[in-house]
Protein backbone atom coordinates (compact mmCIF):
# COMPACT_ATOMS: atom_id res chain seq x y z
CA MET A 1 137.28 173.36 244.44
CA GLY A 2 134.65 176.04 243.49
CA ASN A 3 130.98 176.72 243.25
CA TYR A 4 129.41 177.71 239.86
CA THR A 5 126.27 178.45 238.02
CA ALA A 6 125.49 178.36 234.43
CA PRO A 7 122.31 179.22 232.40
CA VAL A 8 119.78 176.59 231.32
CA LEU A 9 118.43 177.60 227.87
CA GLN A 10 116.56 175.88 225.15
CA GLY A 11 115.36 178.04 222.26
CA ALA A 12 112.49 176.03 221.17
CA VAL A 13 110.69 173.29 223.21
CA SER A 14 109.11 170.60 221.04
CA THR A 15 107.17 167.28 221.21
CA THR A 16 110.47 165.32 221.53
CA TYR A 17 113.09 166.11 224.33
CA LYS A 18 115.38 168.89 223.48
CA THR A 19 118.46 169.44 225.84
CA ALA A 20 118.49 172.87 227.53
CA ALA A 21 121.81 172.16 229.41
CA GLN A 22 124.61 169.60 229.38
CA LEU A 23 127.23 169.45 232.15
CA TYR A 24 130.03 166.94 231.78
CA VAL A 25 133.62 166.03 232.76
CA ASN A 26 136.33 167.30 230.66
CA ILE A 27 137.82 164.79 228.15
CA ALA A 28 141.36 166.00 229.04
CA ALA A 29 142.81 163.75 231.77
CA ALA A 30 144.41 166.73 233.47
CA SER A 31 141.03 168.38 233.71
CA GLN A 32 138.88 165.70 235.21
CA ARG A 33 137.17 166.55 238.61
CA ARG A 34 134.08 165.04 240.21
CA ILE A 35 131.13 167.17 239.89
CA MET A 36 128.31 167.58 242.34
CA VAL A 37 125.05 169.25 241.10
CA TYR A 38 123.13 170.82 243.99
CA GLU A 39 120.44 173.07 242.43
CA ILE A 40 118.52 173.28 239.03
CA GLU A 41 115.90 175.89 238.36
CA PHE A 42 113.86 175.93 235.27
CA GLY A 43 110.75 177.37 233.66
CA GLN A 44 109.45 178.75 230.47
CA THR A 45 109.53 182.07 228.74
CA GLY A 46 107.94 183.42 225.54
CA PRO A 47 104.35 183.22 224.12
CA LEU A 48 102.08 180.99 226.00
CA ALA A 49 100.18 178.20 224.14
CA SER A 50 96.65 179.08 223.53
CA THR A 51 95.37 176.17 225.69
CA ASP A 52 96.76 175.44 229.11
CA CYS A 53 99.59 172.80 228.90
CA GLN A 54 102.41 171.14 230.65
CA VAL A 55 106.24 171.13 229.91
CA GLN A 56 107.92 167.80 231.03
CA TRP A 57 111.46 168.53 232.37
CA ASP A 58 113.98 165.62 232.72
CA VAL A 59 117.55 165.22 234.10
CA SER A 60 119.26 162.18 232.77
CA ARG A 61 122.84 160.81 232.51
CA PHE A 62 124.98 160.34 229.42
CA SER A 63 128.38 158.99 228.74
CA VAL A 64 129.03 160.06 225.08
CA THR A 65 129.73 163.52 223.93
CA ASN A 66 130.92 163.20 220.38
CA ILE A 67 127.69 164.38 218.78
CA LEU A 68 126.90 167.36 220.98
CA THR A 69 125.81 170.43 218.90
CA ALA A 70 125.36 173.26 221.34
CA SER A 71 126.61 176.52 222.62
CA ALA A 72 129.55 176.32 224.94
CA VAL A 73 129.12 178.36 228.10
CA VAL A 74 131.73 179.25 230.74
CA PRO A 75 129.86 178.75 234.04
CA ASN A 76 129.97 181.78 236.44
CA SER A 77 131.97 181.43 239.59
CA LEU A 78 130.00 182.17 242.85
CA ASP A 79 133.16 183.37 244.50
CA VAL A 80 135.21 185.66 242.40
CA ALA A 81 138.38 184.09 244.06
CA ASP A 82 137.65 180.68 242.42
CA VAL A 83 139.31 179.78 239.06
CA SER A 84 137.35 178.86 236.04
CA PRO A 85 135.72 175.35 236.24
CA LEU A 86 137.32 172.34 234.37
CA ALA A 87 133.91 170.89 233.78
CA LEU A 88 132.31 171.51 230.39
CA PHE A 89 128.91 173.07 230.08
CA LEU A 90 126.74 173.50 226.91
CA ASN A 91 123.06 174.78 226.35
CA ASN A 92 120.65 175.44 223.59
CA ASN A 93 121.30 172.15 221.83
CA THR A 94 120.50 172.03 218.22
CA GLY A 95 121.50 168.27 217.88
CA GLU A 96 120.51 165.58 220.53
CA LEU A 97 122.78 162.90 221.61
CA THR A 98 121.41 159.54 222.79
CA TYR A 99 121.08 159.49 226.55
CA THR A 100 122.50 156.20 227.90
CA GLY A 101 121.82 154.44 231.15
CA ALA A 102 125.05 155.42 232.75
CA GLY A 103 124.88 153.99 236.30
CA PHE A 104 121.45 152.76 236.91
CA GLY A 105 119.51 154.45 233.92
CA LEU A 106 117.87 157.44 232.84
CA ALA A 107 115.44 159.98 234.24
CA LEU A 108 117.30 160.80 237.55
CA LYS A 109 114.70 163.47 238.07
CA ASN A 110 111.49 164.21 236.20
CA TRP A 111 108.83 166.99 236.55
CA ALA A 112 105.82 168.19 234.61
CA ILE A 113 105.02 171.69 235.41
CA ASN A 114 102.47 174.22 233.93
CA GLN A 115 103.63 176.51 231.05
CA ARG A 116 103.20 179.51 233.41
CA GLY A 117 105.09 177.88 236.25
CA SER A 118 108.77 177.38 237.24
CA TYR A 119 110.50 174.81 239.52
CA ARG A 120 113.45 174.67 241.76
CA TRP A 121 115.05 171.39 242.78
CA ARG A 122 117.81 171.65 245.49
CA ALA A 123 119.70 168.95 247.13
CA LEU A 124 118.86 168.99 250.84
CA ASP A 125 122.34 168.22 251.90
CA ASP A 126 125.69 166.96 250.29
CA GLY A 127 124.35 163.34 250.29
CA ASP A 128 121.49 164.34 248.02
CA ASN A 129 123.67 165.95 245.28
CA ILE A 130 123.62 164.45 241.80
CA ILE A 131 127.27 163.14 241.37
CA ILE A 132 128.99 163.09 238.13
CA PRO A 133 132.09 161.00 238.49
CA ALA A 134 135.55 162.19 237.24
CA THR A 135 135.35 160.11 234.07
CA ALA A 136 135.97 161.68 230.71
CA GLY A 137 132.68 162.52 228.81
CA VAL A 138 130.25 161.48 231.50
CA GLY A 139 127.70 164.04 232.51
CA ILE A 140 123.94 165.01 232.90
CA GLY A 141 121.48 166.68 230.68
CA VAL A 142 118.56 168.77 231.48
CA ARG A 143 115.83 168.38 228.71
CA ALA A 144 112.39 169.47 228.15
CA LEU A 145 109.34 168.46 225.93
CA SER A 146 105.85 169.60 225.48
CA SER A 147 102.92 168.61 223.40
CA ASN A 148 101.83 172.23 222.62
CA PHE A 149 104.27 174.66 224.29
CA THR A 150 106.95 175.67 221.68
CA ALA A 151 108.57 178.81 223.31
CA SER A 152 111.78 178.77 225.36
CA GLY A 153 113.02 176.98 228.50
CA VAL A 154 115.30 178.86 230.71
CA GLY A 155 116.86 178.41 234.21
CA ASN A 156 120.07 177.93 236.07
CA LEU A 157 122.22 174.92 237.10
CA SER A 158 124.61 175.22 240.13
CA PHE A 159 127.37 172.76 240.84
CA VAL A 160 130.54 172.13 242.80
CA GLU A 161 133.86 170.85 241.35
CA ARG A 162 135.94 168.61 243.68
């Protein structure tokens, strides 16, 4: 078991959802562990839109990973004694997968924030974590869209493997 953090990054926000981070259970049976997400921080960086605007951020589940087109990232361990995580993490997607209603549906969390703002979601205790079951290919994505903000979305996602 270990605590990890990884960078949320989307190079260009657009009018349709673009995934800034995907965290999911490894396909290899020997590498499957339950994942508990306890913190997500995000905001915007780069040139501001000329008119004041909002960026809508969304956290949704998915259960198919065969069309992921993104940069693989090895999450940082928060304790140098922990081993590398078995979960897979990708960011800055260039191709979008179809988010499915794994469990009870999409949009576990959804926020609209000003282009100049940032946001931090943190589970109040272990019972409030976003749980990703130890099932191959099941995970969550952090996505952003905006009608007129086109610069980058950035942040961090922190999780525990058990």
